[in-house]
Protein backbone atom coordinates (compact mmCIF):
# COMPACT_ATOMS: atom_id res chain seq x y z
CA MET A 1 0.00 0.00 0.00
CA LYS A 2 1.30 3.44 -0.95
CA SER A 3 2.05 6.14 1.62
CA LYS A 4 -0.60 8.41 0.06
CA GLU A 5 -3.21 5.79 1.00
CA ILE A 6 -1.77 5.01 4.44
CA MET A 7 -1.31 8.58 5.72
CA THR A 8 -4.84 9.90 5.21
CA LEU A 9 -6.84 11.05 8.22
CA LYS A 10 -9.58 8.43 7.86
CA ARG A 11 -7.08 5.56 7.84
CA MET A 12 -5.00 7.14 10.61
CA GLY A 13 -8.21 7.43 12.65
CA SER A 14 -8.74 3.67 12.37
CA LYS A 15 -5.48 2.56 13.99
CA TYR A 16 -5.32 0.04 16.84
CA PRO A 17 -2.49 -0.67 19.30
CA SER A 18 -0.06 -3.44 18.44
CA ARG A 19 3.05 -5.23 19.70
CA LEU A 20 5.02 -2.19 18.53
CA SER A 21 3.09 0.17 20.85
CA PHE A 22 5.16 1.84 23.57
CA SER A 23 3.16 0.37 26.46
CA ARG A 24 3.82 -3.14 25.13
CA SER A 25 7.54 -2.64 24.45
CA MET A 26 8.02 -0.97 27.86
CA LEU A 27 6.50 -3.95 29.69
CA ARG A 28 8.64 -6.38 27.70
CA LEU A 29 11.73 -4.40 28.69
CA LEU A 30 10.59 -4.41 32.34
CA VAL A 31 10.29 -8.21 32.30
CA ARG A 32 13.39 -8.84 30.21
CA GLU A 33 15.63 -6.75 32.46
CA LYS A 34 13.84 -7.83 35.66
CA TRP A 35 13.02 -4.38 37.00
CA LYS A 36 11.83 -4.35 40.59
CA ILE A 37 8.95 -2.12 41.70
CA ARG A 38 8.31 -1.55 45.41
CA LYS A 39 6.54 0.96 47.61
CA SER A 40 9.22 2.84 49.57
CA LYS A 41 6.66 5.16 51.18
CA PHE A 42 2.96 4.67 51.78
CA ASP A 43 1.74 7.57 53.89
CA LEU A 44 -2.01 7.92 53.36
CA ASP A 45 -4.66 8.78 55.93
CA LYS A 46 -7.88 6.78 56.24
CA ASN A 47 -9.46 8.76 53.40
CA GLY A 48 -6.57 8.07 51.04
CA TYR A 49 -4.92 11.51 51.21
CA GLY A 50 -1.17 11.80 51.48
CA THR A 51 1.98 10.64 49.68
CA VAL A 52 3.06 7.34 48.13
CA ILE A 53 6.41 6.61 46.48
CA TYR A 54 7.09 3.67 44.16
CA GLU A 55 10.75 2.89 43.48
CA VAL A 56 11.69 1.20 40.20
CA ASP A 57 15.04 -0.59 40.43
CA THR A 58 16.52 -1.10 36.95
CA LEU A 59 19.87 -2.13 35.48
CA LYS A 60 20.66 1.55 35.01
CA GLY A 61 19.62 2.92 38.35
CA ILE A 62 16.55 3.72 40.44
CA TYR A 63 13.59 5.84 39.40
CA SER A 64 10.90 7.06 41.78
CA LEU A 65 7.26 7.75 40.98
CA ILE A 66 5.85 10.09 43.61
CA CYS A 67 2.07 10.19 44.05
CA PHE A 68 0.30 13.02 45.87
CA SER A 69 -3.36 12.46 46.79
CA ARG A 70 -5.61 15.13 48.26
CA PHE A 71 -9.25 16.02 48.87
CA LEU A 72 -11.12 17.49 45.93
CA ASN A 73 -14.70 18.75 45.83
CA ASP A 74 -16.80 17.07 43.17
CA GLU A 75 -17.57 20.40 41.50
CA GLU A 76 -13.82 21.09 41.14
CA ARG A 77 -13.14 17.83 39.29
CA SER A 78 -12.65 18.40 35.55
CA ASP A 79 -10.90 16.74 32.61
CA ARG A 80 -10.32 20.08 30.92
CA VAL A 81 -6.78 21.39 30.60
CA ILE A 82 -7.88 24.67 32.21
CA ALA A 83 -8.52 22.82 35.51
CA ASP A 84 -6.15 23.77 38.33
CA LYS A 85 -7.02 21.09 40.90
CA TRP A 86 -6.95 17.30 40.67
CA ASP A 87 -7.48 14.31 42.95
CA THR A 88 -3.90 13.16 42.44
CA ALA A 89 -0.63 14.44 40.95
CA TYR A 90 2.55 12.59 40.00
CA THR A 91 6.13 12.92 38.89
CA LEU A 92 8.77 10.40 37.77
CA HIS A 93 12.08 11.36 39.36
CA ILE A 94 15.58 10.12 38.53
CA GLY A 95 17.02 8.35 41.58
CA LYS A 96 15.83 7.92 45.14
CA ILE A 97 13.92 10.76 46.78
CA SER A 98 15.65 12.75 49.49
CA LYS A 99 13.65 14.53 52.16
CA LYS A 100 14.64 17.87 50.65
CA ASN A 101 13.48 16.84 47.17
CA LEU A 102 10.26 15.39 48.51
CA ASN A 103 9.42 18.69 50.23
CA ARG A 104 10.17 20.57 47.01
CA LEU A 105 8.03 18.23 44.94
CA LYS A 106 5.18 18.32 47.46
CA GLU A 107 4.98 22.08 46.98
CA ASN A 108 5.24 22.03 43.18
CA VAL A 109 3.90 18.82 41.63
CA PRO A 110 0.25 19.36 42.72
CA LEU A 111 0.43 22.75 40.96
CA GLN A 112 1.32 21.01 37.67
CA GLU A 113 1.97 23.71 35.00
CA LEU A 114 2.30 26.42 37.66
CA GLY A 115 4.94 24.53 39.66
CA ARG A 116 8.72 24.48 39.27
CA ASN A 117 10.42 21.27 38.20
CA SER A 118 14.04 20.24 37.81
CA PRO A 119 15.79 18.22 35.07
CA ASN A 120 15.74 15.29 37.52
CA GLU A 121 11.99 15.01 36.91
CA ILE A 122 11.17 13.19 33.66
CA ILE A 123 7.38 13.06 33.77
CA LEU A 124 4.63 15.24 35.26
CA SER A 125 1.07 13.94 35.46
CA ARG A 126 -2.27 14.26 37.21
CA ALA A 127 -5.41 12.12 37.44
CA ASN A 128 -8.97 12.30 38.72
CA LYS A 129 -11.09 9.55 40.17
CA SER A 130 -13.77 8.02 38.01
CA VAL A 131 -16.12 8.79 40.87
CA ARG A 132 -18.98 6.39 40.18
CA LEU A 133 -16.83 3.29 39.73
CA PHE A 134 -14.35 4.33 42.42
CA LYS A 135 -17.13 4.65 45.01
CA LYS A 136 -18.73 1.40 43.86
CA VAL A 137 -15.50 -0.57 44.23
CA VAL A 138 -14.79 0.96 47.66
CA GLU A 139 -18.30 0.05 48.78
CA CYS A 140 -18.01 -3.55 47.55
CA LEU A 141 -14.54 -4.19 48.99
CA SER A 142 -15.35 -2.63 52.36
CA ASN A 143 -18.34 -4.99 52.63
CA GLY A 144 -16.20 -8.02 51.83
CA GLU A 145 -17.63 -8.30 48.31
CA GLN A 146 -16.25 -8.07 44.79
CA PRO A 147 -17.58 -5.73 42.10
CA SER A 148 -18.74 -7.61 39.02
CA ILE A 149 -16.44 -7.58 36.02
CA LYS A 150 -19.38 -6.18 34.04
CA GLU A 151 -19.42 -3.13 36.31
CA ILE A 152 -15.68 -2.75 35.76
CA ASN A 153 -16.15 -3.05 32.00
CA GLU A 154 -18.77 -0.28 31.92
CA VAL A 155 -16.13 2.32 32.83
CA GLY A 156 -12.82 0.47 32.54
CA TYR A 157 -10.72 2.37 35.11
CA LEU A 158 -10.70 3.76 38.63
CA MET A 159 -8.74 6.88 37.73
CA ARG A 160 -8.26 8.91 34.60
CA THR A 161 -5.16 10.97 33.76
CA THR A 162 -5.80 14.36 32.19
CA ALA A 163 -2.19 14.97 31.16
CA VAL A 164 1.09 13.07 31.07
CA TYR A 165 3.77 15.66 30.33
CA GLY A 166 7.38 14.97 29.39
CA SER A 167 10.09 16.00 26.93
CA GLY A 168 11.16 19.22 28.61
CA LYS A 169 7.81 20.81 29.38
CA PHE A 170 7.61 22.97 32.51
CA GLY A 171 11.30 22.47 33.38
CA LEU A 172 11.28 18.67 33.08
CA SER A 173 14.17 16.77 31.53
CA ASP A 174 13.97 17.08 27.74
CA PHE A 175 14.14 13.93 25.63
CA GLU A 176 17.67 14.62 24.35
CA ARG A 177 18.91 14.63 27.94
CA THR A 178 16.63 11.81 29.07
CA LYS A 179 17.80 9.35 26.43
CA LYS A 180 21.44 9.99 27.36
CA ALA A 181 21.08 10.16 31.15
CA THR A 182 18.53 7.36 31.64
CA LEU A 183 17.47 4.04 30.15
CA PHE A 184 14.49 5.72 28.45
CA ASP A 185 16.09 6.06 25.01
CA GLN A 186 12.88 5.24 23.13
CA PRO A 187 9.91 7.62 22.75
CA PHE A 188 7.31 7.72 25.51
CA ARG A 189 8.60 4.74 27.50
CA ALA A 190 9.04 6.87 30.61
CA GLU A 191 5.45 8.08 30.17
CA MET A 192 4.20 4.50 29.80
CA LEU A 193 6.07 3.35 32.92
CA SER A 194 4.52 6.22 34.86
CA VAL A 195 1.02 5.38 33.61
CA TYR A 196 1.53 1.69 34.45
CA ILE A 197 2.47 2.53 38.04
CA ILE A 198 -0.38 5.05 38.36
CA ARG A 199 -2.66 2.14 37.49
CA GLU A 200 -1.06 0.17 40.35
CA PHE A 201 -1.60 3.15 42.64
CA SER A 202 -5.29 3.41 41.71
CA VAL A 203 -5.88 -0.12 43.04
CA ASP A 204 -3.67 0.38 46.10
CA LEU A 205 -5.67 3.53 46.86
CA VAL A 206 -9.13 1.97 46.53
CA GLU A 207 -8.12 -1.04 48.65
CA HIS A 208 -6.57 1.21 51.31
CA ILE A 209 -9.74 3.31 51.65
CA ALA A 210 -11.96 0.20 51.75
CA HIS A 211 -9.81 -1.33 54.50
CA HIS A 212 -10.08 1.77 56.69
CA ILE A 213 -13.85 1.90 56.28
CA ASN A 214 -14.24 -1.67 57.53
CA PRO A 215 -10.92 -3.22 58.68
CA LYS A 216 -12.46 -6.52 59.79
CA LYS A 217 -14.50 -7.25 56.70
CA ALA A 218 -12.72 -5.51 53.80
CA VAL A 219 -11.12 -7.61 51.04
CA LYS A 220 -8.74 -6.90 48.19
CA LEU A 221 -9.78 -6.88 44.55
CA ASP A 222 -9.95 -10.28 42.91
CA LYS A 223 -6.96 -10.69 40.58
CA LYS A 224 -9.03 -11.36 37.45
CA ILE A 225 -11.39 -8.45 38.07
CA LYS A 226 -8.45 -6.17 38.89
CA GLN A 227 -6.63 -7.10 35.69
CA HIS A 228 -9.56 -5.89 33.59
CA LEU A 229 -9.00 -2.39 34.95
CA GLY A 230 -6.92 0.01 32.91
CA ILE A 231 -5.90 3.53 33.71
CA GLY A 232 -8.05 6.08 31.95
CA ASN A 233 -6.85 9.04 29.95
CA SER A 234 -8.63 12.12 28.69
CA THR A 235 -6.96 13.62 25.63
CA GLY A 236 -7.79 16.64 23.51
CA LEU A 237 -6.41 18.86 20.77
CA GLY A 238 -3.09 19.32 22.55
CA MET A 239 -1.91 16.01 21.12
CA ALA A 240 -2.82 16.62 17.47
CA PRO A 241 -0.08 19.06 16.34
CA PHE A 242 2.59 16.55 17.42
CA VAL A 243 1.74 14.48 14.34
CA ILE A 244 2.53 17.49 12.10
CA LYS A 245 5.51 18.84 14.04
CA HIS A 246 7.48 15.57 14.24
CA PRO A 247 7.32 14.17 10.69
CA LYS A 248 10.50 12.09 10.82
CA LEU A 249 9.40 10.44 14.04
CA ILE A 250 5.94 9.72 12.61
CA HIS A 251 7.62 8.21 9.56
CA LYS A 252 9.69 5.96 11.81
CA TRP A 253 6.65 4.64 13.65
CA MET A 254 4.70 3.95 10.47
CA ASN A 255 7.70 2.55 8.64
CA GLN A 256 8.40 0.06 11.44
CA PHE A 257 4.76 -1.00 11.55
CA ASN A 258 4.54 -1.44 7.79
CA LEU A 259 7.88 -3.22 7.70
CA ALA A 260 6.45 -5.79 10.12
CA VAL A 261 3.31 -6.20 7.97
CA ASN A 262 5.33 -6.49 4.75
CA LYS A 263 7.63 -9.15 6.20
CA ILE A 264 4.60 -11.19 7.24
CA TYR A 265 2.96 -10.56 3.86
CA SER A 266 5.89 -12.27 2.13
CA LEU A 267 5.89 -15.42 4.31
CA LYS A 268 5.11 -18.66 2.44
CA ASN A 269 3.29 -21.90 3.28
CA ILE A 270 1.31 -21.03 6.41
CA ASN A 271 0.32 -24.17 8.31
CA GLN A 272 -3.04 -24.99 9.90
CA LYS A 273 -1.76 -24.48 13.45
CA LYS A 274 -0.68 -20.93 12.70
CA LEU A 275 -3.96 -20.21 10.95
CA ASN A 276 -5.91 -21.50 13.97
CA GLU A 277 -3.90 -19.22 16.25
CA PHE A 278 -4.81 -16.30 14.02
CA ILE A 279 -8.50 -17.23 14.01
CA LYS A 280 -8.47 -17.22 17.83
CA LEU A 281 -6.94 -13.73 17.83
CA ILE A 282 -9.55 -12.48 15.36
CA GLU A 283 -12.34 -13.99 17.47
CA LYS A 284 -10.88 -12.21 20.50
CA SER A 285 -11.01 -8.89 18.65
CA LYS A 286 -14.63 -9.68 17.72
CA ASP A 287 -15.48 -10.11 21.42
CA TYR A 288 -13.62 -6.89 22.22
CA LEU A 289 -15.72 -4.96 19.70
CA LYS A 290 -18.89 -6.38 21.26
CA GLU A 291 -17.85 -5.33 24.76
CA VAL A 292 -16.14 -1.97 24.28
CA LYS A 293 -18.25 0.92 25.60
CA THR A 294 -18.78 4.32 24.01
CA VAL A 295 -21.66 6.80 23.92
CA ASP A 296 -20.48 8.51 20.73
CA SER A 297 -22.85 7.72 17.83
CA PHE A 298 -20.11 7.97 15.20
CA GLN A 299 -17.85 5.57 17.11
CA ILE A 300 -20.75 3.18 17.77
CA LYS A 301 -21.36 2.95 14.01
CA LYS A 302 -17.63 2.60 13.36
CA ASN A 303 -17.35 -0.27 15.85
CA ALA A 304 -20.46 -1.94 14.45
CA LYS A 305 -19.08 -1.86 10.91
CA ALA A 306 -15.75 -3.22 12.09
CA LEU A 307 -17.55 -6.00 13.98
CA ALA A 308 -19.55 -6.98 10.90
CA ASP A 309 -16.38 -7.09 8.80
CA ILE A 310 -14.51 -9.12 11.41
CA LYS A 311 -17.34 -11.67 11.41
CA LYS A 312 -17.06 -11.77 7.63
CA THR A 313 -13.32 -12.38 7.99
CA ILE A 314 -13.81 -15.30 10.37
CA ILE A 315 -16.11 -16.99 7.83
CA PHE A 316 -13.49 -16.42 5.12
CA LEU A 317 -10.69 -17.83 7.30
CA LYS A 318 -12.57 -20.98 8.25
CA LYS A 319 -13.30 -21.79 4.61
CA ASN A 320 -9.62 -21.89 3.73
CA ASN A 321 -7.38 -24.93 3.90
CA PRO A 322 -3.66 -24.10 3.99
CA LYS A 323 -2.70 -27.61 2.86
CA LYS A 324 -4.62 -27.31 -0.41
CA ASN A 325 -3.96 -23.71 -1.32
CA ASN A 326 -0.25 -23.20 -0.56
CA TYR A 327 -1.64 -20.66 1.89
CA GLN A 328 0.02 -17.30 2.56
CA TRP A 329 -0.86 -14.36 4.80
CA LYS A 330 -0.89 -12.41 1.56
CA ASN A 331 -4.25 -14.01 0.80
CA ILE A 332 -5.77 -12.65 4.01
CA ILE A 333 -4.26 -9.16 3.75
CA ASP A 334 -5.39 -8.83 0.13
CA PHE A 335 -8.87 -10.00 1.15
CA ALA A 336 -8.94 -7.36 3.89
CA TYR A 337 -7.89 -4.52 1.56
CA LYS A 338 -10.52 -5.48 -1.01
CA ASN A 339 -13.47 -6.28 1.27
CA LEU A 340 -13.15 -4.69 4.74
CA ASN A 341 -13.43 -1.22 6.21
CA TYR A 342 -10.35 0.56 7.53
CA ASP A 343 -10.86 -0.44 11.18
CA ALA A 344 -11.18 -4.13 10.29
CA GLN A 345 -8.14 -3.92 8.02
CA GLU A 346 -6.09 -2.49 10.87
CA ILE A 347 -7.29 -5.21 13.25
CA ILE A 348 -6.21 -7.88 10.72
CA LYS A 349 -2.71 -6.37 10.50
CA VAL A 350 -2.36 -5.92 14.26
CA GLN A 351 -3.36 -9.53 14.94
CA LEU A 352 -1.02 -10.87 12.26
CA ILE A 353 1.83 -8.95 13.89
CA GLU A 354 0.83 -10.60 17.17
CA LEU A 355 1.76 -13.99 15.71
CA TYR A 356 5.35 -13.01 14.96
CA PRO A 357 7.16 -11.50 17.97
CA GLU A 358 10.50 -12.36 16.35
CA ILE A 359 9.62 -9.90 13.56
CA ALA A 360 7.75 -7.24 15.52
CA ASP A 361 9.56 -6.91 18.84
CA PRO A 362 12.99 -5.81 17.51
CA LEU A 363 11.18 -3.19 15.40
CA GLY A 364 9.28 -2.04 18.51
CA ASP A 365 12.61 -1.49 20.26
CA ASP A 366 13.72 0.90 17.51
CA MET A 367 11.09 3.64 17.31
CA SER A 368 13.21 6.76 17.82
CA ASN A 369 14.33 9.29 15.24
CA SER A 370 15.90 12.74 15.10
CA ASP A 371 13.63 15.74 14.56
CA ASP A 372 16.26 17.57 12.52
CA LEU A 373 15.12 18.95 9.15
CA TYR A 374 17.63 20.00 6.52
CA ILE A 375 18.07 22.04 3.36
CA LYS A 376 19.47 20.40 0.21
CA SER A 377 21.06 23.64 -0.89
CA ASN A 378 22.41 22.42 -4.24
CA GLU A 379 19.10 21.04 -5.49
CA LYS A 380 17.63 22.89 -8.45
CA ILE A 381 14.26 24.59 -8.10
CA SER A 382 13.11 22.63 -11.15
CA SER A 383 13.77 19.38 -9.24
CA LEU A 384 11.88 20.73 -6.24
CA ILE A 385 8.88 21.46 -8.47
CA GLU A 386 9.00 17.93 -9.89
CA PHE A 387 9.07 16.45 -6.40
CA ILE A 388 6.08 18.53 -5.30
CA GLU A 389 4.14 17.43 -8.38
CA LYS A 390 4.98 13.80 -7.69
CA ASN A 391 4.40 13.65 -3.92
CA TYR A 392 2.08 16.53 -3.05
CA GLN A 393 -0.72 16.12 -5.59
CA TRP A 394 -3.10 15.89 -2.64
CA ALA A 395 -2.02 19.43 -1.64
CA ILE A 396 -1.79 21.24 -4.98
CA LYS A 397 -5.23 20.07 -6.15
CA ILE A 398 -7.08 21.61 -3.15
CA ASP A 399 -9.09 24.74 -3.97
CA PHE A 400 -8.25 27.00 -1.03
CA ASN A 401 -10.47 29.73 -2.47
CA LYS A 402 -13.39 27.72 -1.17
CA LYS A 403 -14.13 28.62 2.44
CA GLU A 404 -14.66 25.02 3.47
CA ASN A 405 -11.03 24.24 2.56
CA SER A 406 -9.50 26.97 4.72
CA TYR A 407 -12.20 27.01 7.39
CA LEU A 408 -10.06 26.07 10.43
CA PHE A 409 -6.95 27.60 11.93
CA TRP A 410 -4.64 26.25 14.65
CA TYR A 411 -3.29 28.54 17.35
CA ILE A 412 -1.80 28.43 20.86
CA SER A 413 -3.95 29.55 23.80
CA GLU A 414 -2.50 32.36 25.88
CA GLU A 415 -3.74 30.96 29.19
CA LYS A 416 -2.44 27.38 29.04
CA LEU A 417 -0.08 27.51 26.03
CA GLU A 418 -2.06 24.60 24.57
CA PRO A 419 -3.09 24.07 20.91
CA ARG A 420 -6.57 25.27 20.00
CA LEU A 421 -8.68 25.18 16.85
CA GLY A 422 -10.55 28.24 15.61
CA GLU A 423 -13.10 28.81 12.83
CA ARG A 424 -11.56 31.35 10.47
CA TYR A 425 -14.79 32.96 9.29
CA ASN A 426 -16.62 32.93 12.63
CA GLU A 427 -13.91 33.72 15.20
CA LYS A 428 -11.15 36.25 15.71
CA GLY A 429 -7.51 35.26 16.10
CA SER A 430 -6.50 33.84 12.72
CA GLU A 431 -3.52 36.23 12.73
CA LEU A 432 -2.11 33.95 15.47
CA GLU A 433 -2.32 30.88 13.22
CA GLN A 434 0.38 28.23 13.62
CA PRO A 435 2.00 26.92 10.39
CA LEU A 436 0.37 23.49 10.57
CA GLY A 437 -1.65 23.58 7.34
CA ILE A 438 1.11 21.92 5.33
CA GLY A 439 -1.05 21.42 2.25
CA LYS A 440 -1.77 25.14 1.98
CA LEU A 441 1.87 26.09 2.57
CA VAL A 442 3.02 23.66 -0.13
CA GLN A 443 0.47 25.02 -2.59
CA ILE A 444 1.48 28.64 -1.92
CA LEU A 445 5.12 27.74 -2.59
CA TYR A 446 4.24 25.70 -5.69
CA ASN A 447 2.13 28.46 -7.22
CA PHE A 448 4.85 31.01 -6.53
CA LEU A 449 7.45 28.84 -8.26
CA LEU A 450 5.23 28.35 -11.31
CA GLN A 451 4.76 32.10 -11.57
CA HIS A 452 8.52 32.75 -11.34
CA LYS A 453 10.00 30.66 -14.11
CA GLU A 454 13.25 32.58 -13.88
CA THR A 455 13.99 30.75 -10.64
CA HIS A 456 13.72 27.22 -12.07
CA LYS A 457 17.39 26.91 -12.98
CA GLU A 458 18.55 28.34 -9.66
CA THR A 459 19.71 26.28 -6.71
CA VAL A 460 17.62 26.25 -3.58
CA ALA A 461 20.39 28.15 -1.80
CA LYS A 462 20.28 31.03 -4.31
CA PHE A 463 16.46 31.06 -4.33
CA LEU A 464 16.30 31.38 -0.54
CA LEU A 465 18.66 34.36 -0.59
CA SER A 466 15.92 36.23 -2.46
CA TYR A 467 12.89 34.55 -0.86
CA PRO A 468 13.82 33.48 2.70
CA GLU A 469 10.14 33.33 3.71
CA TYR A 470 9.92 29.92 1.99
CA ARG A 471 12.80 28.39 3.91
CA GLY A 472 10.65 26.46 6.40
CA ILE A 473 8.37 24.73 3.91
CA ILE A 474 11.23 23.96 1.48
CA ARG A 475 13.24 22.44 4.29
CA ARG A 476 10.30 20.24 5.23
CA ILE A 477 9.62 19.14 1.65
CA GLN A 478 13.28 18.32 1.00
CA THR A 479 13.76 16.44 4.25
CA LEU A 480 10.63 14.37 3.79
CA SER A 481 11.70 13.29 0.33
CA ASP A 482 13.59 10.64 2.32
CA TYR A 483 10.70 9.90 4.74
CA LYS A 484 7.62 8.79 2.83
CA PHE A 485 5.33 8.35 5.86
CA GLY A 486 6.19 11.70 7.45
CA GLU A 487 3.38 13.76 5.96
CA VAL A 488 -0.33 13.64 6.76
CA LYS A 489 -1.72 13.62 3.24
CA ASP A 490 -4.88 15.55 4.02
CA ASN A 491 -5.96 19.13 4.48
CA ILE A 492 -6.23 19.70 8.24
CA LEU A 493 -7.70 23.18 7.65
CA ALA A 494 -10.84 21.81 5.99
CA LYS A 495 -14.19 22.28 7.69
CA ASN A 496 -14.86 18.53 7.75
CA THR A 497 -11.52 17.70 9.41
CA MET A 498 -11.85 15.44 12.45
CA PRO A 499 -8.82 16.16 14.67
CA ILE A 500 -9.71 13.05 16.64
CA ASP A 501 -8.23 11.01 13.76
CA MET A 502 -4.79 12.42 14.58
CA LEU A 503 -5.34 11.76 18.27
CA ARG A 504 -6.26 8.13 17.66
CA PHE A 505 -3.28 7.62 15.38
CA LYS A 506 -0.84 8.77 18.04
CA LEU A 507 -2.66 7.00 20.87
CA SER A 508 -2.50 3.69 18.98
CA PHE A 509 1.29 3.86 19.10
CA PHE A 510 1.08 4.60 22.82
CA GLY A 511 -1.06 1.48 23.25
CA ALA A 512 -4.43 3.06 24.12
CA SER A 513 -7.68 1.12 23.70
CA ARG A 514 -11.42 1.57 24.39
CA TYR A 515 -11.77 4.73 22.26
CA ASP A 516 -14.65 6.82 23.57
CA PRO A 517 -14.94 10.15 21.71
CA LYS A 518 -16.68 13.02 23.46
CA SER A 519 -16.59 15.20 20.33
CA ASP A 520 -14.48 15.35 17.17
CA ARG A 521 -11.80 17.10 19.28
CA TRP A 522 -11.35 15.06 22.45
CA LEU A 523 -11.83 11.54 23.71
CA ARG A 524 -11.29 9.14 26.58
CA VAL A 525 -9.23 5.99 26.30
CA SER A 526 -7.74 3.33 28.55
CA PHE A 527 -4.15 2.20 28.99
CA PHE A 528 -3.01 -1.26 30.13
CA ALA A 529 -6.54 -2.67 30.28
CA GLY A 530 -6.06 -6.42 30.69
CA ALA A 531 -2.32 -6.18 31.40
CA PRO A 532 -1.06 -8.15 34.40
CA PHE A 533 -0.23 -6.08 37.45
CA TYR A 534 3.41 -6.00 38.47
CA ARG A 535 3.24 -8.87 40.96
CA ASP A 536 1.71 -11.17 38.34
CA LEU A 537 3.83 -10.07 35.39
CA SER A 538 5.96 -12.75 33.69
CA ASN A 539 7.44 -13.79 30.36
CA LYS A 540 4.34 -15.91 29.76
CA ASN A 541 1.72 -13.19 30.14
CA VAL A 542 3.55 -9.95 29.27
CA ASP A 543 2.11 -9.99 25.74
CA THR A 544 -1.26 -11.71 26.08
CA TRP A 545 -3.49 -8.70 26.76
CA GLY A 546 -4.20 -7.16 23.36
CA PHE A 547 -7.95 -6.71 22.71
CA THR A 548 -8.70 -7.83 26.24
CA THR A 549 -12.25 -8.99 27.04
CA MET A 550 -14.15 -10.00 30.16
CA ASN A 551 -13.51 -13.64 29.24
CA SER A 552 -9.76 -13.18 28.84
CA TYR A 553 -9.03 -14.24 32.42
CA ASN A 554 -10.85 -17.60 32.53
């Protein structure tokens, strides 16, 4: 499949997590290197307010996740980025925590963006209780009872993060320093470790409160019910520009994923045992689609269509006999591309990758790339024009004179310094627009070059001496000539753009599941749903939790 078909918003918005996702590769590393996680401090009052520290002992030193829990009025609890109070706040710190550092962090971490952090802090996060389920689980456990797994499945998590910051924000260690000074040399692994431990904390917290309500009768969560819990996350527009601003990194992720698919595509002579394993994985994804909860009508229809196509796939698979047909995975992938919707196609690819850890896992350990862009100064303008015509047809054919094609503009909010989306013809502020509409920028450059034929024999270097305003877009175009998956091949300024497609694309590489859109601009998801908790984690179960269902723990 060509990059122009892969990197469209609709296909990007149909992605699912896979073995290459950062949550999966982080847990494999944890098991492979035998990291130890222990509570070095557990200082909570009977209501669950106070401080907890989890120490992670690795081959390259100790890291500490510090959790601050405090009282919060229900009316103050909000998922919005403009909130300034949360039930809990967290930071991942390099090394053990001294008393001096703990006092500093206690003053600053609960303030989140308004606090002061040091380069010894890698991650900053906060989370709110999912009040209904949290109270229900406390009530059950304190009475010596277990909540039903169906009740757990309705929500999916006890707590929901509303931000997981890293990479130099708010004084934190930036990624260039982090990958040199720590073991976190791959994107977002530190974030995923933090989220995994926050999930542990959510259960420790609910069990602690239940015990203090009724010490004689309270019980701990049943292991199977507990495992079905994830840690929630509420994500909005702030995540979307990342996909535009880091094109080489996005290329790397997609290239690794497609490399895994292509290697499997070329495998010959698939036996019946392997086919049966695949059918079981597809049936598991069918059950997942039946169980996953969302109230969004668009996502409900999307899931229903994917479910229908997965059922169709199972019928197709069971009719085939590898012994008779010299069977190849190529047959199944080609069937998917010809007959299934995007979501079902992505599920097919993800579950095929699941069968071949020897192919996928090394690729999942190599997901990093430089963000550097560069100018090819000796290239002729005529060659640049030819490249635009070959690779940016999607951009130069857009009619930006039509309002619906330049309807949106991206800007940064003054209050929270977070990305926002405005409507150009209905709202003020378009003069603050960020240069994220790559299609429009490419077309402006292209039209200018066509109108200035005298520049065609010039080098890029000479051209930019006269027209330096085009340096940024030329640098991007030239760099990405070597990175075919780096560009989103759609107009993100169009009125019908659904930013949630970019969010889902990025979240799939994080490992998020249970997509529950709240609009076309923000959604809730779950991380680590179905993953074993630390005490139960082993080589045997570290990779068994994709598309987890209520029956996965029987």
